[in-house]
Amino acid sequence: MSDAPITAQEFALFQRLIYKIAGISLSDAKRVLLVGRLTRRLKHHGLETFSQYYRLLQSGEQPEELQTMVDLLTTNETYFFREPKHFEFLRDEIVARRNSPTTFRVWSAASSSGEEAYSIAMTLADSMQGKNWEIVGSDISTQVLRRAAAGHYSLARTEGIPSEFLKRYCLRGVRANEGTLLIAPELRQRVSFHQINLTLHVDADIGEFDVIFLRNVMIYFDPDTKTRVVHNLLPRLKSGGYLFIGHSETLNGITDRVQSVEPTIYRKP
């Protein structure tokens, strides 16, 4: 099936729409990506042009289609133990120095399909044995959140998991599930996933966290949106808590409410 053509005017409409909904700035270089991901939706609805699809989204007649569009345009690649120094810092500097009896809470704020949240879970299960901890994962895409909650992955996607963690915290699939693994139930019960749009006000019901991972998502935002997202998250970070961002990101010019500890690692006074 060949991709439907899109005009510059049509692409501009979708650029504004996804920015309004998710705060994501789609550069002109993402035009091919948008066409590739949305063409099947045109075919699904029997539409011939992106203008027709845009009108369908704006009509409000099928609100679930708007979520489908968001899912398709915001799904980003991730993998287990990405940027491993962050997990080493979590284990060796944060957990090792902790002496509070309260439940240790971590928020994977752009968790995508769950690999980051479960990498954190394995790190905490190994380093906080016998202590209380929990993880909240969130994303704007309902599609990836369903995959995350299932905790079921292809073996090809698990290269970054240390061998001892694979043995201890993962169940290898057999027969019909051969070539896959399932995150162990005792880890999955400590991780919950929620749909949260980081560009909007974050409900206080989510609680406060000792650590927030906000990694490899700000690269998709313009400066104003980055500032708004960080402003929305920081009230959910406890005093003395840590904020992790991606190695290609910075908080310079975004906020002065956290202090740099190491590159890409910040602490709230």
Protein backbone atom coordinates (compact mmCIF):
# COMPACT_ATOMS: atom_id res chain seq x y z
CA MET A 1 0.00 0.00 0.00
CA SER A 2 1.53 3.30 -1.08
CA ASP A 3 1.50 6.30 1.25
CA ALA A 4 -1.01 9.04 0.59
CA PRO A 5 0.51 12.36 -0.54
CA ILE A 6 0.43 15.33 1.80
CA THR A 7 0.67 19.01 0.89
CA ALA A 8 2.70 21.56 2.82
CA GLN A 9 -0.55 23.17 4.01
CA GLU A 10 -1.88 19.84 5.27
CA PHE A 11 1.34 19.03 7.08
CA ALA A 12 1.22 22.45 8.76
CA LEU A 13 -2.27 21.63 10.06
CA PHE A 14 -1.01 18.45 11.72
CA GLN A 15 2.07 20.23 13.08
CA ARG A 16 -0.20 22.71 14.87
CA LEU A 17 -2.58 19.98 16.04
CA ILE A 18 0.02 17.72 17.66
CA TYR A 19 1.69 20.77 19.21
CA LYS A 20 -1.63 21.87 20.70
CA ILE A 21 -2.40 18.42 22.11
CA ALA A 22 1.02 17.12 23.18
CA GLY A 23 3.38 20.08 22.98
CA ILE A 24 5.48 18.25 20.39
CA SER A 25 7.18 20.32 17.70
CA LEU A 26 7.23 18.27 14.51
CA SER A 27 9.99 19.60 12.29
CA ASP A 28 9.64 19.54 8.52
CA ALA A 29 12.03 16.57 8.56
CA LYS A 30 9.24 14.53 10.25
CA ARG A 31 6.94 14.88 7.27
CA VAL A 32 7.77 11.40 5.95
CA LEU A 33 7.28 9.91 9.42
CA LEU A 34 3.84 11.50 9.76
CA VAL A 35 2.74 10.28 6.36
CA GLY A 36 4.04 6.79 7.02
CA ARG A 37 2.26 6.50 10.37
CA LEU A 38 -1.08 8.05 9.41
CA THR A 39 -1.69 6.76 5.88
CA ARG A 40 -3.29 3.57 7.22
CA ARG A 41 -5.77 5.66 9.19
CA LEU A 42 -6.88 7.37 5.98
CA LYS A 43 -7.38 3.99 4.36
CA HIS A 44 -9.20 2.69 7.45
CA HIS A 45 -11.77 5.49 7.17
CA GLY A 46 -11.98 5.40 3.38
CA LEU A 47 -10.47 8.86 3.03
CA GLU A 48 -8.36 10.10 0.12
CA THR A 49 -6.62 13.17 1.53
CA PHE A 50 -5.04 14.32 4.76
CA SER A 51 -7.39 17.31 4.71
CA GLN A 52 -10.33 14.92 4.99
CA TYR A 53 -8.64 13.10 7.87
CA TYR A 54 -7.91 16.38 9.63
CA ARG A 55 -11.57 17.40 9.34
CA LEU A 56 -12.58 14.04 10.84
CA LEU A 57 -10.26 14.63 13.80
CA GLN A 58 -11.59 18.15 14.33
CA SER A 59 -15.26 17.19 13.97
CA GLY A 60 -15.40 15.48 17.35
CA GLU A 61 -17.45 12.67 15.84
CA GLN A 62 -14.80 10.07 16.68
CA PRO A 63 -12.83 11.26 19.72
CA GLU A 64 -11.05 7.90 19.95
CA GLU A 65 -9.47 8.60 16.55
CA LEU A 66 -7.77 11.69 17.99
CA GLN A 67 -6.15 9.47 20.63
CA THR A 68 -5.11 7.01 17.91
CA MET A 69 -3.42 9.84 16.02
CA VAL A 70 -1.61 10.94 19.21
CA ASP A 71 -0.50 7.35 19.87
CA LEU A 72 0.94 7.01 16.38
CA LEU A 73 2.82 10.31 16.42
CA THR A 74 4.21 10.17 19.97
CA THR A 75 5.48 6.60 20.18
CA ASN A 76 9.25 6.77 20.58
CA GLU A 77 11.97 4.13 20.64
CA THR A 78 13.28 3.05 24.02
CA TYR A 79 15.13 0.11 25.51
CA PHE A 80 16.13 -1.46 28.83
CA PHE A 81 18.83 0.25 30.92
CA ARG A 82 19.25 3.10 28.46
CA GLU A 83 21.98 5.46 29.72
CA PRO A 84 23.17 2.95 32.37
CA LYS A 85 25.07 5.52 34.48
CA HIS A 86 21.71 6.83 35.68
CA PHE A 87 20.81 3.45 37.15
CA GLU A 88 24.24 3.19 38.75
CA PHE A 89 23.73 6.63 40.35
CA LEU A 90 20.27 5.61 41.53
CA ARG A 91 21.73 2.50 43.20
CA ASP A 92 25.06 3.80 44.51
CA GLU A 93 24.30 7.41 45.42
CA ILE A 94 20.57 7.70 46.12
CA VAL A 95 19.47 4.33 47.47
CA ALA A 96 22.76 3.57 49.26
CA ARG A 97 22.60 6.86 51.20
CA ARG A 98 18.91 6.67 52.02
CA ASN A 99 17.83 6.10 55.63
CA SER A 100 14.14 7.08 55.57
CA PRO A 101 11.56 4.41 56.51
CA THR A 102 8.96 5.84 54.10
CA THR A 103 8.10 4.19 50.78
CA PHE A 104 10.65 5.15 48.12
CA ARG A 105 8.75 6.43 45.07
CA VAL A 106 10.03 6.92 41.52
CA TRP A 107 8.17 8.42 38.55
CA SER A 108 9.10 7.37 35.03
CA ALA A 109 7.38 10.38 33.49
CA ALA A 110 7.81 9.46 29.81
CA SER A 111 7.78 5.70 30.18
CA SER A 112 6.73 4.77 26.64
CA SER A 113 6.37 0.96 26.51
CA GLY A 114 7.73 0.44 30.02
CA GLU A 115 11.38 -0.50 29.55
CA GLU A 116 12.60 2.43 31.67
CA ALA A 117 10.12 1.77 34.49
CA TYR A 118 11.06 -1.91 34.67
CA SER A 119 14.78 -1.08 34.53
CA ILE A 120 14.21 1.11 37.60
CA ALA A 121 12.19 -1.70 39.21
CA MET A 122 14.99 -4.23 38.74
CA THR A 123 17.50 -1.76 40.19
CA LEU A 124 15.34 -1.14 43.26
CA ALA A 125 14.42 -4.79 43.77
CA ASP A 126 18.13 -5.60 43.83
CA SER A 127 19.27 -2.69 46.03
CA MET A 128 16.27 -2.21 48.37
CA GLN A 129 15.55 -5.77 49.43
CA GLY A 130 13.08 -5.86 52.29
CA LYS A 131 12.20 -2.17 51.93
CA ASN A 132 9.12 -0.51 50.47
CA TRP A 133 9.30 1.06 47.04
CA GLU A 134 6.96 1.75 44.15
CA ILE A 135 7.14 3.13 40.63
CA VAL A 136 4.66 5.15 38.59
CA GLY A 137 5.05 5.13 34.83
CA SER A 138 3.21 7.60 32.61
CA ASP A 139 2.85 8.47 28.96
CA ILE A 140 0.45 10.35 26.71
CA SER A 141 -0.02 7.28 24.47
CA THR A 142 -2.60 4.73 25.61
CA GLN A 143 -1.20 2.25 23.10
CA VAL A 144 2.26 2.06 24.67
CA LEU A 145 0.79 2.08 28.18
CA ARG A 146 -1.11 -1.11 27.44
CA ARG A 147 2.13 -2.74 26.31
CA ALA A 148 3.93 -1.44 29.38
CA ALA A 149 1.33 -2.78 31.79
CA ALA A 150 1.56 -6.21 30.16
CA GLY A 151 5.33 -6.33 30.75
CA HIS A 152 5.74 -8.73 27.81
CA TYR A 153 8.69 -8.15 25.46
CA SER A 154 10.56 -9.72 22.59
CA LEU A 155 13.90 -11.20 23.63
CA ALA A 156 15.46 -9.08 20.88
CA ARG A 157 14.57 -5.96 22.93
CA THR A 158 16.20 -7.12 26.17
CA GLU A 159 19.92 -6.94 25.35
CA GLY A 160 20.57 -4.21 27.93
CA ILE A 161 19.28 -6.23 30.90
CA PRO A 162 22.16 -7.56 33.06
CA SER A 163 22.30 -11.37 32.96
CA GLU A 164 21.66 -11.73 36.70
CA PHE A 165 18.54 -9.57 36.40
CA LEU A 166 17.32 -11.63 33.45
CA LYS A 167 17.52 -14.76 35.58
CA ARG A 168 16.00 -13.17 38.68
CA TYR A 169 13.31 -10.83 37.39
CA CYS A 170 12.26 -12.14 33.96
CA LEU A 171 10.34 -15.24 32.85
CA ARG A 172 11.37 -16.69 29.50
CA GLY A 173 8.46 -17.65 27.26
CA VAL A 174 7.95 -21.23 26.12
CA ARG A 175 5.93 -22.87 23.33
CA ALA A 176 3.60 -20.21 21.86
CA ASN A 177 5.53 -17.47 23.75
CA GLU A 178 8.99 -18.64 22.73
CA GLY A 179 11.28 -15.72 21.86
CA THR A 180 9.69 -13.46 24.47
CA LEU A 181 10.00 -12.72 28.16
CA LEU A 182 7.60 -11.53 30.85
CA ILE A 183 8.60 -9.24 33.68
CA ALA A 184 8.15 -11.18 36.92
CA PRO A 185 4.82 -10.57 38.73
CA GLU A 186 6.52 -9.40 41.93
CA LEU A 187 8.02 -6.50 39.95
CA ARG A 188 4.92 -5.72 37.90
CA GLN A 189 2.80 -5.38 41.04
CA ARG A 190 5.08 -2.56 42.23
CA VAL A 191 4.73 -0.59 38.97
CA SER A 192 1.55 1.21 37.89
CA PHE A 193 0.99 3.01 34.60
CA HIS A 194 -1.16 6.09 33.98
CA GLN A 195 -1.97 8.31 31.02
CA ILE A 196 -0.60 11.78 31.79
CA ASN A 197 -0.06 14.70 29.43
CA LEU A 198 3.05 16.40 30.83
CA THR A 199 2.22 19.69 29.12
CA LEU A 200 -0.94 20.06 31.21
CA HIS A 201 -1.38 20.47 34.94
CA VAL A 202 -0.31 17.26 36.68
CA ASP A 203 -2.97 16.13 39.17
CA ALA A 204 -1.75 16.12 42.76
CA ASP A 205 -3.37 12.69 43.23
CA ILE A 206 -0.24 11.19 41.72
CA GLY A 207 1.58 12.10 44.94
CA GLU A 208 5.19 13.12 45.47
CA PHE A 209 8.36 11.35 44.41
CA ASP A 210 11.91 10.87 45.62
CA VAL A 211 13.14 10.56 42.03
CA ILE A 212 11.69 11.60 38.67
CA PHE A 213 13.03 10.33 35.35
CA LEU A 214 12.21 12.81 32.55
CA ARG A 215 14.51 11.45 29.88
CA ASN A 216 14.61 11.80 26.11
CA VAL A 217 11.28 13.59 25.79
CA MET A 218 12.20 17.29 26.03
CA ILE A 219 14.09 16.99 22.75
CA TYR A 220 10.65 17.01 21.09
CA PHE A 221 9.57 20.27 22.77
CA ASP A 222 10.26 23.92 22.03
CA PRO A 223 11.71 26.10 24.85
CA ASP A 224 8.31 27.31 26.09
CA THR A 225 6.94 23.79 26.29
CA LYS A 226 10.08 22.50 28.04
CA THR A 227 9.65 25.21 30.68
CA ARG A 228 5.96 24.36 31.13
CA VAL A 229 6.64 20.62 31.46
CA VAL A 230 9.40 21.07 34.05
CA HIS A 231 7.22 23.58 35.92
CA ASN A 232 4.41 20.98 36.01
CA LEU A 233 6.68 18.21 37.30
CA LEU A 234 8.75 19.93 39.97
CA PRO A 235 5.89 20.29 42.52
CA ARG A 236 5.68 16.48 42.45
CA LEU A 237 9.40 16.14 43.37
CA LYS A 238 10.15 16.04 47.10
CA SER A 239 12.66 18.43 48.61
CA GLY A 240 16.03 16.72 48.30
CA GLY A 241 14.68 14.59 45.44
CA TYR A 242 16.48 13.93 42.18
CA LEU A 243 15.53 14.66 38.57
CA PHE A 244 17.13 12.76 35.69
CA ILE A 245 17.03 14.03 32.09
CA GLY A 246 18.45 12.58 28.88
CA HIS A 247 22.08 12.98 27.88
CA SER A 248 21.16 15.15 24.90
CA GLU A 249 19.07 17.48 27.08
CA THR A 250 19.73 20.33 29.50
CA LEU A 251 17.82 22.45 32.00
CA ASN A 252 19.93 25.54 31.30
CA GLY A 253 17.53 28.42 30.77
CA ILE A 254 14.59 26.20 31.73
CA THR A 255 14.56 26.37 35.54
CA ASP A 256 16.70 27.39 38.50
CA ARG A 257 14.61 25.42 41.00
CA VAL A 258 16.94 22.40 40.90
CA GLN A 259 20.71 22.23 41.23
CA SER A 260 23.05 20.27 38.98
CA VAL A 261 24.69 17.30 40.70
CA GLU A 262 26.24 15.70 37.64
CA PRO A 263 25.55 16.23 33.94
CA THR A 264 21.83 15.37 33.37
CA ILE A 265 21.25 14.76 37.11
CA TYR A 266 19.67 17.48 39.26
CA ARG A 267 18.58 17.77 42.89
CA LYS A 268 15.79 19.86 44.38
CA PRO A 269 17.07 21.84 47.40
